Amino acid sequence: MAKGPVSQFIQHHYRHFNAAALIDAAKGYETHLLEGGKMMVTLAGAMSTAELGISLAEMIRQDKIQIISCTGANLEEDVMNLVAHNSYKRVPNYRDLTPQDEWDLLENHYNRVTDTCIPEEEAFRRLQKHLVKVWTDAEASGERYFPHEFLYKVVLSGVLKEYYEIDPKDSWIVAAAEKNIPIIVPGWEDSTTGNIFASYVIKGQLKASTVKNGIEYMVWLADWYRQNSAGKGVGFFQIGGGIAGDFPICVVPMMYQDLEWHDVPFWSYFCQISDSTTSYGSYSGAVPNEKITWGKLDINTPKFIVESDATIVAPLIFAYILGL
């Protein structure tokens, strides 16, 4: 496929250091797919509020991603941006805010994520009533679903369309729901919608068991990996670190070491975009080779690390893979 101007610019200018790592990682990702491999993308940080969906959604639509792992915040915040974008508040001088400035934002129902404030009423509450309905309906029917499956039900029902404030083609959750690709959401409880669900459990209006939990996600992922890791195998494209990355990557050593299934292939491609300081005491700051010792990556797995801001790097890598 002929490459477009963005890709041509990258190929010509990105020759050394993190720039070279970016193009090497993009070419490795492209080769992995061309050879029949599948790819997991993991989202840590506030990628949805950073509107990564503009490029990520097209990656999903063009089958460049087969499965996603993300934090509960990234799951919900893409939809919040979809339905309340016009009420978001940008704070370009966020580094200069005083405690009083921050308090004033809270008093005006703004929750700040770096330079962007999420409007509580328009975003959280607009989504809440529809989630409560699908949770309640499922419980009344004796059914249980994963967090992303409940969100898919809301999105695909069309009840949010009247609120859309961005082009839905820029929402990665809409793209994922339409493709019905699986999303792993470890630690979903650590999110606004998780907190909302917990409040209904505390009030006795819902049962905690209605939403499937993290252990069930790991059990499901083990089965998915077994079914999809033949041939070229499954690659791992990690944006940031934390639980969104460490939880799913551990499915391989869990099966090999704990279940003693010795026919489990390692992850067959690995790339991490991170601005964490290199450190052997944290997952986000660990270099790829450390993952060999944990049984996550093979000695021959192509490994890349781009030490930069994911909001800059990821769209460029996606553009290259999409041929833009």
Protein backbone atom coordinates (compact mmCIF):
# COMPACT_ATOMS: atom_id res chain seq x y z
CA MET A 1 0.00 0.00 0.00
CA ALA A 2 1.36 3.41 -0.99
CA LYS A 3 2.03 5.64 1.99
CA GLY A 4 0.49 9.09 2.37
CA PRO A 5 2.19 12.36 3.28
CA VAL A 6 2.23 11.83 7.06
CA SER A 7 3.93 8.46 6.68
CA GLN A 8 6.35 9.85 4.12
CA PHE A 9 7.27 12.68 6.49
CA ILE A 10 7.92 10.19 9.29
CA GLN A 11 10.03 7.96 7.05
CA HIS A 12 12.16 10.89 5.88
CA HIS A 13 12.67 12.76 9.16
CA TYR A 14 12.43 10.17 11.95
CA ARG A 15 15.92 8.64 11.79
CA HIS A 16 17.43 8.59 15.27
CA PHE A 17 16.73 8.20 19.00
CA ASN A 18 13.03 8.14 19.96
CA ALA A 19 12.07 9.15 16.44
CA ALA A 20 13.82 6.06 15.04
CA ALA A 21 12.23 3.90 17.73
CA LEU A 22 8.82 5.23 16.65
CA ILE A 23 9.27 4.24 13.01
CA ASP A 24 10.81 0.88 13.93
CA ALA A 25 7.83 0.13 16.19
CA ALA A 26 5.36 1.17 13.48
CA LYS A 27 7.05 -1.01 10.87
CA GLY A 28 7.14 -3.91 13.31
CA TYR A 29 3.42 -3.53 14.03
CA GLU A 30 2.67 -3.41 10.29
CA THR A 31 4.80 -6.51 9.61
CA HIS A 32 3.12 -8.38 12.45
CA LEU A 33 -0.32 -7.80 10.90
CA LEU A 34 0.82 -8.54 7.35
CA GLU A 35 2.16 -11.90 8.54
CA GLY A 36 -1.24 -12.80 9.98
CA GLY A 37 -0.76 -11.74 13.58
CA LYS A 38 -3.33 -10.14 15.86
CA MET A 39 -2.80 -7.14 18.13
CA MET A 40 -3.85 -6.09 21.61
CA VAL A 41 -3.66 -2.37 22.39
CA THR A 42 -3.62 -1.29 26.03
CA LEU A 43 -4.65 2.19 27.19
CA ALA A 44 -3.43 3.70 30.44
CA GLY A 45 -3.41 7.37 31.34
CA ALA A 46 -6.19 9.65 30.18
CA MET A 47 -6.02 8.70 26.52
CA SER A 48 -9.77 9.01 25.94
CA THR A 49 -9.92 12.50 27.40
CA ALA A 50 -6.89 13.31 25.22
CA GLU A 51 -9.19 12.32 22.31
CA LEU A 52 -7.01 9.47 21.07
CA GLY A 53 -10.25 8.11 19.60
CA ILE A 54 -9.71 10.31 16.55
CA SER A 55 -6.97 7.92 15.36
CA LEU A 56 -7.75 4.83 17.45
CA ALA A 57 -11.29 4.45 16.09
CA GLU A 58 -10.03 4.17 12.52
CA MET A 59 -7.48 1.55 13.59
CA ILE A 60 -10.38 -0.49 14.98
CA ARG A 61 -12.52 0.00 11.89
CA GLN A 62 -9.71 -1.15 9.63
CA ASP A 63 -9.07 -4.31 11.69
CA LYS A 64 -5.62 -3.18 12.87
CA ILE A 65 -6.63 -3.99 16.46
CA GLN A 66 -8.35 -7.18 17.60
CA ILE A 67 -8.63 -6.63 21.36
CA ILE A 68 -8.18 -3.73 23.80
CA SER A 69 -7.29 -3.53 27.48
CA CYS A 70 -7.99 -0.25 29.22
CA THR A 71 -8.67 1.35 32.55
CA GLY A 72 -12.24 1.99 33.61
CA ALA A 73 -11.56 5.70 33.14
CA ASN A 74 -10.61 5.28 29.47
CA LEU A 75 -13.69 3.11 28.91
CA GLU A 76 -16.10 5.73 30.21
CA GLU A 77 -14.29 8.93 29.24
CA ASP A 78 -14.48 8.26 25.51
CA VAL A 79 -18.27 8.16 25.78
CA MET A 80 -18.31 11.19 28.06
CA ASN A 81 -16.40 13.14 25.43
CA LEU A 82 -18.88 11.89 22.84
CA VAL A 83 -21.93 13.20 24.70
CA ALA A 84 -20.58 16.29 26.47
CA HIS A 85 -17.67 17.60 24.41
CA ASN A 86 -19.04 21.13 24.09
CA SER A 87 -19.08 21.55 27.86
CA TYR A 88 -15.47 20.48 28.40
CA LYS A 89 -13.18 23.26 29.61
CA ARG A 90 -9.56 23.52 28.52
CA VAL A 91 -7.07 25.01 30.98
CA PRO A 92 -3.85 25.64 29.03
CA ASN A 93 -2.14 27.23 32.06
CA TYR A 94 -2.83 24.22 34.29
CA ARG A 95 0.73 24.22 35.64
CA ASP A 96 0.10 27.61 37.24
CA LEU A 97 -3.15 26.81 39.06
CA THR A 98 -3.29 27.53 42.79
CA PRO A 99 -5.16 25.36 45.28
CA GLN A 100 -7.90 28.03 45.21
CA ASP A 101 -8.10 27.76 41.41
CA GLU A 102 -8.52 24.01 41.73
CA TRP A 103 -11.21 24.44 44.38
CA ASP A 104 -13.07 26.86 42.14
CA LEU A 105 -13.11 24.26 39.36
CA LEU A 106 -14.57 21.71 41.79
CA GLU A 107 -17.22 24.17 42.94
CA ASN A 108 -18.22 24.64 39.30
CA HIS A 109 -18.46 20.84 38.83
CA TYR A 110 -15.32 20.47 36.72
CA ASN A 111 -12.97 17.53 37.26
CA ARG A 112 -9.52 18.34 35.86
CA VAL A 113 -7.36 15.94 33.85
CA THR A 114 -4.12 17.83 33.12
CA ASP A 115 -5.26 20.64 30.76
CA THR A 116 -8.84 19.45 30.30
CA CYS A 117 -11.79 19.61 32.70
CA ILE A 118 -14.59 17.07 32.43
CA PRO A 119 -18.00 18.62 33.14
CA GLU A 120 -19.55 16.49 35.86
CA GLU A 121 -23.23 17.11 35.20
CA GLU A 122 -23.17 16.93 31.41
CA ALA A 123 -20.76 13.98 31.21
CA PHE A 124 -21.25 11.71 34.22
CA ARG A 125 -24.96 12.19 34.85
CA ARG A 126 -25.91 12.09 31.17
CA LEU A 127 -24.40 8.61 30.95
CA GLN A 128 -25.39 7.44 34.42
CA LYS A 129 -29.15 7.06 33.95
CA HIS A 130 -28.68 4.86 30.90
CA LEU A 131 -26.11 2.64 32.59
CA VAL A 132 -28.33 2.25 35.64
CA LYS A 133 -31.12 1.05 33.35
CA VAL A 134 -29.03 -1.69 31.70
CA TRP A 135 -27.64 -2.76 35.08
CA THR A 136 -31.15 -2.93 36.54
CA ASP A 137 -32.61 -4.74 33.52
CA ALA A 138 -29.82 -7.33 33.59
CA GLU A 139 -30.27 -8.00 37.28
CA ALA A 140 -34.05 -8.36 36.88
CA SER A 141 -33.41 -10.97 34.19
CA GLY A 142 -30.79 -12.79 36.25
CA GLU A 143 -28.08 -11.85 33.76
CA ARG A 144 -24.49 -10.71 34.34
CA TYR A 145 -22.13 -8.90 31.97
CA PHE A 146 -18.68 -7.38 31.85
CA PRO A 147 -18.36 -3.58 32.23
CA HIS A 148 -17.64 -3.03 28.53
CA GLU A 149 -20.62 -5.20 27.54
CA PHE A 150 -22.96 -2.96 29.55
CA LEU A 151 -21.49 0.11 27.85
CA TYR A 152 -21.86 -1.53 24.44
CA LYS A 153 -25.56 -2.09 25.20
CA VAL A 154 -26.03 1.61 25.92
CA VAL A 155 -24.07 2.78 22.87
CA LEU A 156 -25.67 0.35 20.42
CA SER A 157 -29.19 1.06 21.69
CA GLY A 158 -28.97 4.57 20.23
CA VAL A 159 -30.21 6.30 23.39
CA LEU A 160 -27.14 8.54 23.50
CA LYS A 161 -27.37 9.79 19.90
CA GLU A 162 -29.43 12.83 20.85
CA TYR A 163 -26.48 13.99 22.97
CA TYR A 164 -23.66 13.46 20.45
CA GLU A 165 -21.41 16.52 20.33
CA ILE A 166 -18.56 15.10 18.24
CA ASP A 167 -18.58 13.06 15.06
CA PRO A 168 -19.15 9.47 16.27
CA LYS A 169 -16.44 8.27 13.87
CA ASP A 170 -13.97 9.89 16.34
CA SER A 171 -15.23 7.73 19.24
CA TRP A 172 -13.22 4.56 19.68
CA ILE A 173 -15.93 3.03 21.87
CA VAL A 174 -18.49 3.47 19.08
CA ALA A 175 -16.07 1.79 16.65
CA ALA A 176 -15.35 -1.02 19.11
CA ALA A 177 -19.05 -1.57 19.86
CA GLU A 178 -19.91 -1.73 16.16
CA LYS A 179 -17.11 -4.26 15.59
CA ASN A 180 -17.92 -5.99 18.89
CA ILE A 181 -14.23 -6.35 19.68
CA PRO A 182 -13.47 -7.52 23.22
CA ILE A 183 -12.29 -5.03 25.82
CA ILE A 184 -10.54 -6.11 29.02
CA VAL A 185 -11.13 -3.61 31.84
CA PRO A 186 -9.08 -4.61 34.89
CA GLY A 187 -9.84 -2.64 38.03
CA TRP A 188 -13.05 -1.21 36.56
CA GLU A 189 -14.07 -0.43 40.14
CA ASP A 190 -11.51 2.39 40.05
CA SER A 191 -13.58 4.59 37.76
CA THR A 192 -16.47 7.02 38.04
CA THR A 193 -18.99 4.52 36.66
CA GLY A 194 -17.53 1.89 38.98
CA ASN A 195 -18.06 4.27 41.90
CA ILE A 196 -21.61 4.96 40.73
CA PHE A 197 -22.32 1.22 40.57
CA ALA A 198 -20.86 0.77 44.07
CA SER A 199 -23.19 3.49 45.37
CA TYR A 200 -26.21 1.54 44.12
CA VAL A 201 -24.88 -1.61 45.78
CA ILE A 202 -24.44 0.27 49.07
CA LYS A 203 -28.03 1.55 48.79
CA GLY A 204 -29.20 -2.03 48.26
CA GLN A 205 -30.57 -1.29 44.78
CA LEU A 206 -28.14 -3.52 42.87
CA LYS A 207 -26.05 -6.60 43.61
CA ALA A 208 -22.26 -6.43 43.23
CA SER A 209 -22.34 -9.70 41.28
CA THR A 210 -24.36 -8.15 38.42
CA VAL A 211 -21.14 -6.77 36.90
CA LYS A 212 -18.56 -9.45 36.18
CA ASN A 213 -15.22 -8.90 37.90
CA GLY A 214 -11.51 -8.87 37.14
CA ILE A 215 -10.90 -12.55 37.83
CA GLU A 216 -13.63 -13.37 35.32
CA TYR A 217 -11.90 -11.06 32.82
CA MET A 218 -8.65 -13.02 33.28
CA VAL A 219 -10.43 -16.36 32.83
CA TRP A 220 -12.12 -15.04 29.68
CA LEU A 221 -8.83 -13.63 28.35
CA ALA A 222 -7.05 -16.96 28.84
CA ASP A 223 -9.61 -18.65 26.61
CA TRP A 224 -9.42 -15.86 24.01
CA TYR A 225 -5.63 -16.01 23.93
CA ARG A 226 -5.66 -19.80 23.46
CA GLN A 227 -7.99 -19.41 20.51
CA ASN A 228 -6.09 -16.55 18.85
CA SER A 229 -2.38 -17.17 19.45
CA ALA A 230 -1.78 -19.78 16.75
CA GLY A 231 0.39 -18.94 13.75
CA LYS A 232 2.02 -15.52 14.00
CA GLY A 233 0.44 -15.00 17.42
CA VAL A 234 -0.78 -11.98 19.35
CA GLY A 235 1.18 -8.75 19.69
CA PHE A 236 1.06 -6.30 22.56
CA PHE A 237 1.02 -2.53 21.95
CA GLN A 238 1.15 -0.78 25.30
CA ILE A 239 0.31 2.89 25.79
CA GLY A 240 1.51 3.90 29.24
CA GLY A 241 1.71 1.19 31.87
CA GLY A 242 -0.15 0.33 35.02
CA ILE A 243 -2.94 -2.19 35.37
CA ALA A 244 -4.17 -1.74 31.78
CA GLY A 245 -0.87 -3.22 30.60
CA ASP A 246 0.30 -5.50 33.39
CA PHE A 247 -3.01 -7.32 33.87
CA PRO A 248 -3.45 -8.66 30.33
CA ILE A 249 0.23 -9.35 29.63
CA CYS A 250 0.24 -11.66 32.66
CA VAL A 251 -2.21 -14.05 31.01
CA VAL A 252 0.74 -15.80 29.36
CA PRO A 253 2.81 -16.54 32.49
CA MET A 254 -0.41 -17.38 34.35
CA MET A 255 -1.19 -20.14 31.86
CA TYR A 256 2.41 -21.34 31.58
CA GLN A 257 3.43 -21.19 35.24
CA ASP A 258 0.23 -21.50 37.26
CA LEU A 259 -1.78 -23.76 34.98
CA GLU A 260 1.38 -25.53 33.75
CA TRP A 261 0.21 -25.40 30.14
CA HIS A 262 3.57 -25.52 28.40
CA ASP A 263 2.24 -25.07 24.88
CA VAL A 264 1.33 -21.40 25.40
CA PRO A 265 3.02 -19.03 22.89
CA PHE A 266 4.64 -15.88 24.20
CA TRP A 267 3.41 -12.48 23.05
CA SER A 268 4.87 -12.18 19.56
CA TYR A 269 5.43 -8.40 19.35
CA PHE A 270 5.85 -5.82 22.07
CA CYS A 271 5.91 -2.03 22.03
CA GLN A 272 5.60 0.38 24.92
CA ILE A 273 5.07 4.12 24.66
CA SER A 274 5.91 5.68 27.98
CA ASP A 275 7.31 8.86 29.46
CA SER A 276 8.05 7.12 32.78
CA THR A 277 11.59 7.28 34.05
CA THR A 278 13.30 3.96 33.35
CA SER A 279 13.08 1.98 36.57
CA TYR A 280 13.20 -1.66 37.55
CA GLY A 281 10.89 -0.98 40.47
CA SER A 282 7.79 -0.12 38.47
CA TYR A 283 5.88 -1.76 35.64
CA SER A 284 5.52 1.47 33.67
CA GLY A 285 9.25 2.18 33.84
CA ALA A 286 10.53 -1.35 33.24
CA VAL A 287 12.36 -1.93 29.98
CA PRO A 288 11.00 -4.73 27.73
CA ASN A 289 13.80 -7.20 28.49
CA GLU A 290 12.69 -7.42 32.12
CA LYS A 291 9.49 -9.04 30.87
CA ILE A 292 11.54 -12.02 29.64
CA THR A 293 12.30 -12.94 33.25
CA TRP A 294 8.58 -12.96 34.04
CA GLY A 295 7.67 -15.30 31.21
CA LYS A 296 5.77 -12.62 29.28
CA LEU A 297 8.05 -12.17 26.27
CA ASP A 298 10.33 -14.57 24.43
CA ILE A 299 14.00 -13.79 23.88
CA ASN A 300 13.21 -13.37 20.16
CA THR A 301 10.03 -11.28 20.52
CA PRO A 302 10.45 -7.98 18.62
CA LYS A 303 10.65 -5.36 21.37
CA PHE A 304 10.32 -1.60 21.10
CA ILE A 305 10.11 1.24 23.59
CA VAL A 306 9.40 4.84 22.62
CA GLU A 307 10.14 7.17 25.52
CA SER A 308 7.83 10.06 24.78
CA ASP A 309 4.33 11.43 25.26
CA ALA A 310 1.76 8.92 23.99
CA THR A 311 -0.58 11.71 22.86
CA ILE A 312 2.15 12.66 20.34
CA VAL A 313 3.53 9.23 19.48
CA ALA A 314 0.46 6.99 19.20
CA PRO A 315 -1.37 9.02 16.51
CA LEU A 316 1.82 9.07 14.40
CA ILE A 317 2.30 5.31 14.67
CA PHE A 318 -1.37 4.75 13.88
CA ALA A 319 -1.10 7.11 10.89
CA TYR A 320 1.82 5.10 9.55
CA ILE A 321 -0.02 1.79 9.98
CA LEU A 322 -3.09 3.27 8.28
CA GLY A 323 -0.91 4.53 5.43
CA LEU A 324 -1.87 8.17 5.94
